[in-house]
Amino acid sequence: MFGEDSSTATVDDARRWAGAYDKLVAFKRELLDLCHRYVERSEPEVAQAIKETDVIMLEMELSRFEQKRDFWKIRASELGGNGRRRGTN
């Protein structure tokens, strides 16, 4: 996302990005849940189209956002809460 830079991130930056990705993960899960509910009450052709397009795309996006969230959580942990990168004074 715009402004994301792991090489210069402070612990506050890392926590903010982890939080942003938490929200995106929640949003994608809501959309997937809506798709699955819609599939259950749709005609077979419509259900199949949703499963073959929307569900696949949302699952891929969800996975990518989860990976980015996890990266930022680990990054925040690595920064150790002092607001600086390791190895700096």
N, C-alpha and C. Protein backbone atom coordinates (compact mmCIF):
# COMPACT_ATOMS: atom_id res chain seq x y z
N MET A 1 0.84 -1.18 0.00
CA MET A 1 0.00 0.00 0.00
C MET A 1 0.88 1.24 0.00
N PHE A 2 0.31 2.33 -0.36
CA PHE A 2 1.04 3.58 -0.40
C PHE A 2 1.62 3.91 0.97
N GLY A 3 2.90 4.23 1.01
CA GLY A 3 3.57 4.60 2.25
C GLY A 3 4.20 3.46 3.01
N GLU A 4 3.97 2.24 2.57
CA GLU A 4 4.51 1.07 3.25
C GLU A 4 5.99 0.93 2.91
N ASP A 5 6.84 0.88 3.95
CA ASP A 5 8.28 0.72 3.73
C ASP A 5 8.87 0.02 4.93
N SER A 6 9.07 -1.28 4.80
CA SER A 6 9.55 -2.08 5.93
C SER A 6 10.97 -1.72 6.34
N SER A 7 11.75 -1.16 5.44
CA SER A 7 13.14 -0.86 5.79
C SER A 7 13.28 0.36 6.70
N THR A 8 12.28 1.22 6.73
CA THR A 8 12.38 2.42 7.56
C THR A 8 11.31 2.46 8.64
N ALA A 9 10.59 1.39 8.84
CA ALA A 9 9.47 1.38 9.76
C ALA A 9 9.89 1.45 11.22
N THR A 10 9.18 2.25 11.98
CA THR A 10 9.31 2.23 13.43
C THR A 10 8.31 1.22 13.98
N VAL A 11 8.40 0.95 15.25
CA VAL A 11 7.45 0.01 15.84
C VAL A 11 6.03 0.54 15.69
N ASP A 12 5.85 1.85 15.82
CA ASP A 12 4.51 2.42 15.64
C ASP A 12 4.02 2.25 14.21
N ASP A 13 4.92 2.44 13.25
CA ASP A 13 4.56 2.20 11.85
C ASP A 13 4.14 0.75 11.64
N ALA A 14 4.94 -0.16 12.16
CA ALA A 14 4.65 -1.59 12.00
C ALA A 14 3.31 -1.95 12.62
N ARG A 15 3.03 -1.43 13.78
CA ARG A 15 1.73 -1.70 14.43
C ARG A 15 0.58 -1.10 13.64
N ARG A 16 0.80 0.09 13.08
CA ARG A 16 -0.25 0.73 12.28
C ARG A 16 -0.54 -0.08 11.03
N TRP A 17 0.51 -0.57 10.36
CA TRP A 17 0.30 -1.39 9.18
C TRP A 17 -0.35 -2.73 9.52
N ALA A 18 0.05 -3.32 10.63
CA ALA A 18 -0.59 -4.58 11.05
C ALA A 18 -2.08 -4.34 11.30
N GLY A 19 -2.40 -3.22 11.93
CA GLY A 19 -3.81 -2.88 12.17
C GLY A 19 -4.58 -2.64 10.89
N ALA A 20 -3.94 -1.97 9.93
CA ALA A 20 -4.59 -1.72 8.64
C ALA A 20 -4.89 -3.04 7.94
N TYR A 21 -3.92 -3.95 7.97
CA TYR A 21 -4.13 -5.24 7.32
C TYR A 21 -5.13 -6.10 8.09
N ASP A 22 -5.21 -5.95 9.41
CA ASP A 22 -6.25 -6.64 10.18
C ASP A 22 -7.63 -6.24 9.67
N LYS A 23 -7.82 -4.95 9.41
CA LYS A 23 -9.10 -4.46 8.91
C LYS A 23 -9.38 -4.99 7.51
N LEU A 24 -8.37 -5.03 6.66
CA LEU A 24 -8.55 -5.56 5.32
C LEU A 24 -8.87 -7.06 5.34
N VAL A 25 -8.22 -7.79 6.23
CA VAL A 25 -8.51 -9.22 6.39
C VAL A 25 -9.96 -9.42 6.82
N ALA A 26 -10.40 -8.64 7.79
CA ALA A 26 -11.79 -8.75 8.26
C ALA A 26 -12.77 -8.44 7.13
N PHE A 27 -12.47 -7.42 6.35
CA PHE A 27 -13.33 -7.04 5.24
C PHE A 27 -13.42 -8.16 4.21
N LYS A 28 -12.29 -8.74 3.82
CA LYS A 28 -12.30 -9.83 2.84
C LYS A 28 -13.05 -11.04 3.38
N ARG A 29 -12.92 -11.31 4.67
CA ARG A 29 -13.67 -12.43 5.26
C ARG A 29 -15.17 -12.19 5.21
N GLU A 30 -15.57 -10.95 5.46
CA GLU A 30 -17.00 -10.61 5.35
C GLU A 30 -17.50 -10.81 3.93
N LEU A 31 -16.72 -10.37 2.95
CA LEU A 31 -17.11 -10.54 1.56
C LEU A 31 -17.20 -12.02 1.19
N LEU A 32 -16.24 -12.82 1.66
CA LEU A 32 -16.29 -14.26 1.40
C LEU A 32 -17.51 -14.89 2.03
N ASP A 33 -17.82 -14.50 3.25
CA ASP A 33 -19.01 -15.02 3.93
C ASP A 33 -20.26 -14.67 3.13
N LEU A 34 -20.34 -13.45 2.65
CA LEU A 34 -21.49 -13.03 1.84
C LEU A 34 -21.57 -13.87 0.56
N CYS A 35 -20.44 -14.10 -0.09
CA CYS A 35 -20.43 -14.93 -1.29
C CYS A 35 -20.93 -16.34 -0.99
N HIS A 36 -20.45 -16.92 0.10
CA HIS A 36 -20.87 -18.29 0.44
C HIS A 36 -22.36 -18.35 0.75
N ARG A 37 -22.87 -17.35 1.43
CA ARG A 37 -24.32 -17.31 1.70
C ARG A 37 -25.10 -17.17 0.40
N TYR A 38 -24.62 -16.35 -0.49
CA TYR A 38 -25.29 -16.15 -1.77
C TYR A 38 -25.25 -17.43 -2.60
N VAL A 39 -24.12 -18.15 -2.57
CA VAL A 39 -24.00 -19.42 -3.29
C VAL A 39 -25.05 -20.41 -2.80
N GLU A 40 -25.27 -20.46 -1.49
CA GLU A 40 -26.22 -21.42 -0.91
C GLU A 40 -27.65 -21.20 -1.39
N ARG A 41 -28.01 -19.98 -1.71
CA ARG A 41 -29.40 -19.72 -2.09
C ARG A 41 -29.57 -19.39 -3.58
N SER A 42 -28.52 -19.62 -4.36
CA SER A 42 -28.58 -19.30 -5.79
C SER A 42 -28.78 -20.55 -6.63
N GLU A 43 -29.17 -20.30 -7.87
CA GLU A 43 -29.29 -21.38 -8.84
C GLU A 43 -27.90 -21.97 -9.06
N PRO A 44 -27.83 -23.23 -9.46
CA PRO A 44 -26.52 -23.88 -9.63
C PRO A 44 -25.56 -23.12 -10.53
N GLU A 45 -26.07 -22.57 -11.64
CA GLU A 45 -25.18 -21.86 -12.57
C GLU A 45 -24.59 -20.61 -11.92
N VAL A 46 -25.42 -19.88 -11.20
CA VAL A 46 -24.97 -18.66 -10.53
C VAL A 46 -23.98 -19.03 -9.42
N ALA A 47 -24.33 -20.05 -8.65
CA ALA A 47 -23.45 -20.50 -7.56
C ALA A 47 -22.09 -20.91 -8.09
N GLN A 48 -22.08 -21.65 -9.19
CA GLN A 48 -20.82 -22.10 -9.78
C GLN A 48 -19.99 -20.92 -10.25
N ALA A 49 -20.62 -19.95 -10.88
CA ALA A 49 -19.90 -18.75 -11.36
C ALA A 49 -19.28 -17.99 -10.20
N ILE A 50 -20.01 -17.86 -9.11
CA ILE A 50 -19.50 -17.15 -7.93
C ILE A 50 -18.30 -17.91 -7.36
N LYS A 51 -18.43 -19.22 -7.26
CA LYS A 51 -17.33 -20.04 -6.70
C LYS A 51 -16.09 -20.01 -7.58
N GLU A 52 -16.28 -19.96 -8.90
CA GLU A 52 -15.15 -20.01 -9.82
C GLU A 52 -14.49 -18.66 -10.04
N THR A 53 -15.14 -17.60 -9.65
CA THR A 53 -14.57 -16.27 -9.88
C THR A 53 -14.38 -15.51 -8.56
N ASP A 54 -15.47 -15.06 -8.00
CA ASP A 54 -15.40 -14.20 -6.82
C ASP A 54 -14.73 -14.86 -5.63
N VAL A 55 -15.12 -16.08 -5.34
CA VAL A 55 -14.57 -16.77 -4.17
C VAL A 55 -13.06 -16.98 -4.34
N ILE A 56 -12.65 -17.41 -5.51
CA ILE A 56 -11.22 -17.64 -5.75
C ILE A 56 -10.44 -16.34 -5.61
N MET A 57 -10.95 -15.27 -6.22
CA MET A 57 -10.26 -13.99 -6.16
C MET A 57 -10.18 -13.48 -4.72
N LEU A 58 -11.28 -13.57 -3.99
CA LEU A 58 -11.29 -13.09 -2.60
C LEU A 58 -10.38 -13.92 -1.71
N GLU A 59 -10.34 -15.23 -1.94
CA GLU A 59 -9.44 -16.08 -1.15
C GLU A 59 -7.97 -15.72 -1.40
N MET A 60 -7.64 -15.41 -2.64
CA MET A 60 -6.27 -15.01 -2.96
C MET A 60 -5.93 -13.67 -2.30
N GLU A 61 -6.86 -12.73 -2.37
CA GLU A 61 -6.63 -11.43 -1.74
C GLU A 61 -6.53 -11.56 -0.23
N LEU A 62 -7.39 -12.39 0.35
CA LEU A 62 -7.36 -12.63 1.79
C LEU A 62 -6.01 -13.20 2.20
N SER A 63 -5.53 -14.17 1.46
CA SER A 63 -4.23 -14.79 1.77
C SER A 63 -3.11 -13.75 1.71
N ARG A 64 -3.12 -12.92 0.69
CA ARG A 64 -2.09 -11.88 0.54
C ARG A 64 -2.15 -10.90 1.70
N PHE A 65 -3.35 -10.48 2.09
CA PHE A 65 -3.49 -9.55 3.21
C PHE A 65 -3.08 -10.19 4.54
N GLU A 66 -3.39 -11.47 4.71
CA GLU A 66 -2.97 -12.17 5.93
C GLU A 66 -1.44 -12.25 6.00
N GLN A 67 -0.80 -12.51 4.87
CA GLN A 67 0.66 -12.57 4.85
C GLN A 67 1.27 -11.21 5.18
N LYS A 68 0.71 -10.15 4.62
CA LYS A 68 1.21 -8.80 4.91
C LYS A 68 0.98 -8.44 6.38
N ARG A 69 -0.19 -8.77 6.90
CA ARG A 69 -0.48 -8.52 8.32
C ARG A 69 0.51 -9.25 9.20
N ASP A 70 0.75 -10.52 8.90
CA ASP A 70 1.68 -11.32 9.69
C ASP A 70 3.10 -10.75 9.60
N PHE A 71 3.49 -10.30 8.41
CA PHE A 71 4.80 -9.67 8.26
C PHE A 71 4.92 -8.47 9.20
N TRP A 72 3.91 -7.60 9.21
CA TRP A 72 3.97 -6.39 10.04
C TRP A 72 3.92 -6.71 11.52
N LYS A 73 3.21 -7.77 11.91
CA LYS A 73 3.20 -8.18 13.32
C LYS A 73 4.59 -8.67 13.73
N ILE A 74 5.21 -9.45 12.87
CA ILE A 74 6.57 -9.93 13.16
C ILE A 74 7.54 -8.76 13.18
N ARG A 75 7.37 -7.84 12.23
CA ARG A 75 8.25 -6.66 12.16
C ARG A 75 8.12 -5.84 13.44
N ALA A 76 6.91 -5.64 13.94
CA ALA A 76 6.71 -4.89 15.18
C ALA A 76 7.41 -5.59 16.33
N SER A 77 7.31 -6.91 16.36
CA SER A 77 7.97 -7.68 17.40
C SER A 77 9.49 -7.54 17.30
N GLU A 78 10.01 -7.60 16.09
CA GLU A 78 11.45 -7.45 15.89
C GLU A 78 11.96 -6.07 16.34
N LEU A 79 11.15 -5.08 16.11
CA LEU A 79 11.56 -3.72 16.50
C LEU A 79 11.61 -3.56 18.01
N GLY A 80 11.00 -4.46 18.72
CA GLY A 80 11.13 -4.53 20.16
C GLY A 80 10.45 -3.43 20.96
N GLY A 81 9.62 -2.66 20.33
CA GLY A 81 8.86 -1.67 21.08
C GLY A 81 9.61 -0.41 21.42
N ASN A 82 10.86 -0.24 20.95
CA ASN A 82 11.59 0.98 21.30
C ASN A 82 11.54 2.03 20.20
N GLY A 83 10.81 1.74 19.11
CA GLY A 83 10.66 2.71 18.05
C GLY A 83 11.83 2.80 17.10
N ARG A 84 12.82 1.94 17.24
CA ARG A 84 14.00 1.95 16.36
C ARG A 84 14.24 0.57 15.79
N ARG A 85 14.93 0.55 14.70
CA ARG A 85 15.33 -0.73 14.13
C ARG A 85 16.45 -1.31 14.98
N ARG A 86 16.53 -2.61 15.01
CA ARG A 86 17.64 -3.26 15.71
C ARG A 86 18.95 -2.87 15.08
N GLY A 87 19.96 -2.72 15.91
CA GLY A 87 21.27 -2.39 15.42
C GLY A 87 21.53 -0.89 15.38
N THR A 88 20.51 -0.09 15.75
CA THR A 88 20.72 1.36 15.80
C THR A 88 20.76 1.79 17.23
N ASN A 89 21.34 2.94 17.49
CA ASN A 89 21.45 3.45 18.86
C ASN A 89 20.27 4.29 19.24
